[in-house]
Amino acid sequence: MIKDKIFSTNELKGQNFTTEKFIGCRFIQQEIKFTSFTDCQFQNCDFSNALLSSSSFENSQFSDCKLNWINFKETSLKKCLFDHCLLEGSSFEKQNLTTVRFKNSNLSANYFVTVDLRETKLTNCDFTKTVFDHCKMQKADLSGSVLSGTLFQDCKIEKTIIDLDGCISFSQSKGFILPLSTPLD
């Protein structure tokens, strides 16, 4: 177990971490290059503004972590869980995230472009002002999620799950309203 450590770029570059538990560690603004994390757990860790390059996270769990303003484009994410995490302003490009789960997390103002999210669980998340551009979203589950101001541009959406509250918040952000009573004409 590694606890309350502030990591430097030199300590991370080219390292392979396996079955490690990180608690309260800080990776803020560090370059994480050619680094792999397999079967790792991250609790209350801060990766904000980290530069991820040619790195991978596999079968790893993030709980109560900050991952703000990160470009995940050059990062491989497989079988990962993000629970109660803050990922504001991050971007995901040309990735397969079908084995990744996001729950109870804030992903507001994110950018997903050409991302495969088929059958991905994205439950109880805040996607306010998030853009999904050219994403595959068939059978994705967004139940319980806030979709206010969310943009789905040229996405493949089929049997994608949203609940009534998500449908209402998305519709209201686009200018639709629900009348309190039906007018009698």
Protein backbone atom coordinates (compact mmCIF):
# COMPACT_ATOMS: atom_id res chain seq x y z
CA MET A 1 0.00 0.00 0.00
CA ILE A 2 1.21 3.48 -0.91
CA LYS A 3 -0.35 6.23 1.19
CA ASP A 4 -0.26 10.04 0.94
CA LYS A 5 2.63 10.06 -1.53
CA ILE A 6 3.23 12.95 -3.92
CA PHE A 7 4.55 11.35 -7.09
CA SER A 8 7.01 12.95 -9.49
CA THR A 9 7.30 12.28 -13.21
CA ASN A 10 10.60 10.43 -12.72
CA GLU A 11 9.01 8.03 -10.22
CA LEU A 12 6.24 7.16 -12.68
CA LYS A 13 7.86 7.08 -16.11
CA GLY A 14 8.14 3.57 -17.52
CA GLN A 15 6.96 1.87 -14.33
CA ASN A 16 4.66 -1.16 -14.10
CA PHE A 17 2.44 -1.17 -11.01
CA THR A 18 0.57 -4.40 -10.24
CA THR A 19 -1.94 -5.08 -7.41
CA GLU A 20 -0.93 -1.83 -5.73
CA LYS A 21 -3.27 0.18 -3.52
CA PHE A 22 -2.84 3.97 -3.66
CA ILE A 23 -4.55 5.98 -0.91
CA GLY A 24 -4.52 9.79 -0.85
CA CYS A 25 -1.73 9.96 -3.43
CA ARG A 26 -1.13 12.95 -5.68
CA PHE A 27 -0.24 12.71 -9.35
CA ILE A 28 -1.16 16.36 -10.07
CA GLN A 29 0.34 17.82 -13.27
CA GLN A 30 2.78 14.91 -13.59
CA GLU A 31 3.66 13.22 -16.85
CA ILE A 32 2.66 9.58 -16.64
CA LYS A 33 4.42 8.13 -19.67
CA PHE A 34 4.94 4.47 -20.66
CA THR A 35 3.39 3.48 -17.31
CA SER A 36 1.00 0.62 -16.64
CA PHE A 37 -1.32 0.03 -13.71
CA THR A 38 -2.84 -3.47 -13.49
CA ASP A 39 -5.22 -4.66 -10.76
CA CYS A 40 -4.63 -1.42 -8.83
CA GLN A 41 -6.90 0.52 -6.49
CA PHE A 42 -6.93 4.29 -6.18
CA GLN A 43 -8.76 5.90 -3.24
CA ASN A 44 -8.94 9.67 -2.75
CA CYS A 45 -6.13 10.22 -5.26
CA ASP A 46 -5.68 13.37 -7.35
CA PHE A 47 -4.61 13.10 -11.00
CA SER A 48 -5.79 16.60 -11.98
CA ASN A 49 -4.04 18.00 -15.06
CA ALA A 50 -1.80 14.92 -15.33
CA LEU A 51 -0.36 14.25 -18.77
CA LEU A 52 -1.09 10.63 -19.66
CA SER A 53 0.95 9.37 -22.59
CA SER A 54 1.22 5.76 -23.80
CA SER A 55 -0.03 4.53 -20.43
CA SER A 56 -2.57 1.93 -19.41
CA PHE A 57 -4.96 1.15 -16.59
CA GLU A 58 -6.36 -2.37 -16.56
CA ASN A 59 -8.74 -3.94 -14.07
CA SER A 60 -8.24 -0.95 -11.79
CA GLN A 61 -10.67 0.89 -9.52
CA PHE A 62 -10.88 4.60 -8.81
CA SER A 63 -12.91 5.67 -5.79
CA ASP A 64 -13.41 9.30 -4.73
CA CYS A 65 -10.60 10.41 -7.06
CA LYS A 66 -10.05 13.65 -8.97
CA LEU A 67 -9.17 13.24 -12.64
CA ASN A 68 -9.96 16.75 -13.89
CA TRP A 69 -8.73 18.22 -17.16
CA ILE A 70 -7.06 15.05 -18.43
CA ASN A 71 -6.78 14.04 -22.06
CA PHE A 72 -7.17 10.25 -22.05
CA LYS A 73 -6.52 9.98 -25.81
CA GLU A 74 -3.21 8.13 -25.44
CA THR A 75 -4.36 6.02 -22.50
CA SER A 76 -5.70 2.50 -22.57
CA LEU A 77 -8.55 1.92 -20.11
CA LYS A 78 -9.77 -1.68 -19.75
CA LYS A 79 -12.06 -3.17 -17.11
CA CYS A 80 -11.83 -0.06 -14.93
CA LEU A 81 -14.37 1.31 -12.49
CA PHE A 82 -14.71 5.01 -11.65
CA ASP A 83 -16.96 5.45 -8.59
CA HIS A 84 -17.69 8.82 -6.95
CA CYS A 85 -14.97 10.43 -9.05
CA LEU A 86 -14.60 13.97 -10.38
CA LEU A 87 -13.61 14.02 -14.06
CA GLU A 88 -14.57 17.55 -15.10
CA GLY A 89 -13.27 18.89 -18.41
CA SER A 90 -11.59 15.66 -19.48
CA SER A 91 -11.54 14.22 -22.98
CA PHE A 92 -11.70 10.74 -24.43
CA GLU A 93 -10.84 10.24 -28.10
CA LYS A 94 -10.86 7.18 -30.35
CA GLN A 95 -11.12 4.74 -27.48
CA ASN A 96 -12.93 1.53 -26.71
CA LEU A 97 -14.51 1.99 -23.27
CA THR A 98 -16.93 -0.94 -23.47
CA THR A 99 -15.40 -2.58 -20.38
CA VAL A 100 -15.14 0.62 -18.33
CA ARG A 101 -17.84 1.63 -15.82
CA PHE A 102 -18.57 5.10 -14.50
CA LYS A 103 -20.98 5.45 -11.60
CA ASN A 104 -21.93 8.24 -9.21
CA SER A 105 -19.33 10.46 -10.86
CA ASN A 106 -19.14 14.00 -12.24
CA LEU A 107 -18.20 13.99 -15.92
CA SER A 108 -19.47 17.47 -16.71
CA ALA A 109 -17.97 19.42 -19.60
CA ASN A 110 -16.28 16.30 -20.98
CA TYR A 111 -15.64 15.55 -24.63
CA PHE A 112 -16.10 12.03 -26.00
CA VAL A 113 -15.20 11.78 -29.69
CA THR A 114 -15.29 8.57 -31.72
CA VAL A 115 -15.53 6.52 -28.52
CA ASP A 116 -17.03 3.04 -28.37
CA LEU A 117 -19.41 3.09 -25.39
CA ARG A 118 -21.57 0.13 -26.42
CA GLU A 119 -23.10 -1.55 -23.37
CA THR A 120 -21.07 0.73 -21.09
CA LYS A 121 -22.54 1.52 -17.66
CA LEU A 122 -22.56 5.31 -17.10
CA THR A 123 -25.03 5.39 -14.22
CA ASN A 124 -25.91 8.18 -11.80
CA CYS A 125 -23.35 10.50 -13.38
CA ASP A 126 -23.46 14.22 -14.12
CA PHE A 127 -22.95 14.80 -17.85
CA THR A 128 -23.93 18.49 -17.81
CA LYS A 129 -22.58 20.20 -20.94
CA THR A 130 -20.77 17.05 -22.08
CA VAL A 131 -20.35 16.38 -25.79
CA PHE A 132 -20.64 12.92 -27.30
CA ASP A 133 -19.44 13.21 -30.91
CA HIS A 134 -19.56 10.25 -33.32
CA CYS A 135 -19.79 7.75 -30.45
CA LYS A 136 -21.19 4.24 -30.53
CA MET A 137 -23.71 4.16 -27.71
CA GLN A 138 -25.86 1.14 -28.47
CA LYS A 139 -27.24 -0.40 -25.26
CA ALA A 140 -25.27 2.01 -23.06
CA ASP A 141 -26.87 2.63 -19.67
CA LEU A 142 -27.15 6.28 -18.59
CA SER A 143 -29.88 5.70 -16.02
CA GLY A 144 -29.94 8.13 -13.13
CA SER A 145 -27.60 10.51 -14.98
CA VAL A 146 -28.01 14.28 -15.42
CA LEU A 147 -28.06 15.13 -19.13
CA SER A 148 -28.74 18.87 -19.01
CA GLY A 149 -27.02 20.60 -21.92
CA THR A 150 -25.54 17.31 -23.15
CA LEU A 151 -24.92 17.08 -26.89
CA PHE A 152 -25.18 13.82 -28.80
CA GLN A 153 -23.77 14.61 -32.23
CA ASP A 154 -23.82 11.94 -34.96
CA CYS A 155 -23.88 9.15 -32.37
CA LYS A 156 -25.21 5.65 -32.92
CA ILE A 157 -27.90 5.42 -30.27
CA GLU A 158 -30.01 2.29 -30.13
CA LYS A 159 -31.63 0.78 -27.05
CA THR A 160 -29.62 3.24 -24.97
CA ILE A 161 -31.09 3.53 -21.49
CA ILE A 162 -32.01 6.83 -19.84
CA ASP A 163 -34.57 7.22 -17.09
CA LEU A 164 -37.44 9.71 -16.94
CA ASP A 165 -35.44 12.33 -15.00
CA GLY A 166 -32.60 12.11 -17.54
CA CYS A 167 -35.08 12.46 -20.39
CA ILE A 168 -36.68 15.50 -18.74
CA SER A 169 -33.36 17.24 -17.94
CA PHE A 170 -32.09 16.63 -21.48
CA SER A 171 -35.36 17.88 -23.02
CA GLN A 172 -35.49 20.99 -20.83
CA SER A 173 -31.91 21.89 -21.75
CA LYS A 174 -33.03 21.85 -25.39
CA GLY A 175 -35.96 24.20 -24.72
CA PHE A 176 -38.78 21.69 -24.32
CA ILE A 177 -41.24 22.13 -21.46
CA LEU A 178 -43.80 19.91 -19.79
CA PRO A 179 -47.15 21.63 -19.42
CA LEU A 180 -48.69 21.42 -15.97
CA SER A 181 -52.05 20.58 -17.51
CA THR A 182 -53.27 19.59 -20.92
CA PRO A 183 -55.09 22.46 -22.65
CA LEU A 184 -58.64 21.66 -23.74
CA ASP A 185 -59.15 22.70 -27.32
